[in-house]
């Protein structure tokens, strides 16, 4: 799974196929903070997560 945030666009892909896309400038999402933590959520099912990596793609920093 890859989660990519570029500007205000968030794209989620699994095995190279886009499964979700969000524009933070539209609807109620524009009221959310653009800064904060990253979290995983389960829905009462067992979840195992490993090898999580974060990579800053911003070349200006």
Foldseek 3Di string as FASTA:
>chain_A
DDWDDDDQKIWDDDPPHTDDIDGCVDDPSVVDDPDDDDDDDDDPDDDDDDDDDDDDPDPVD
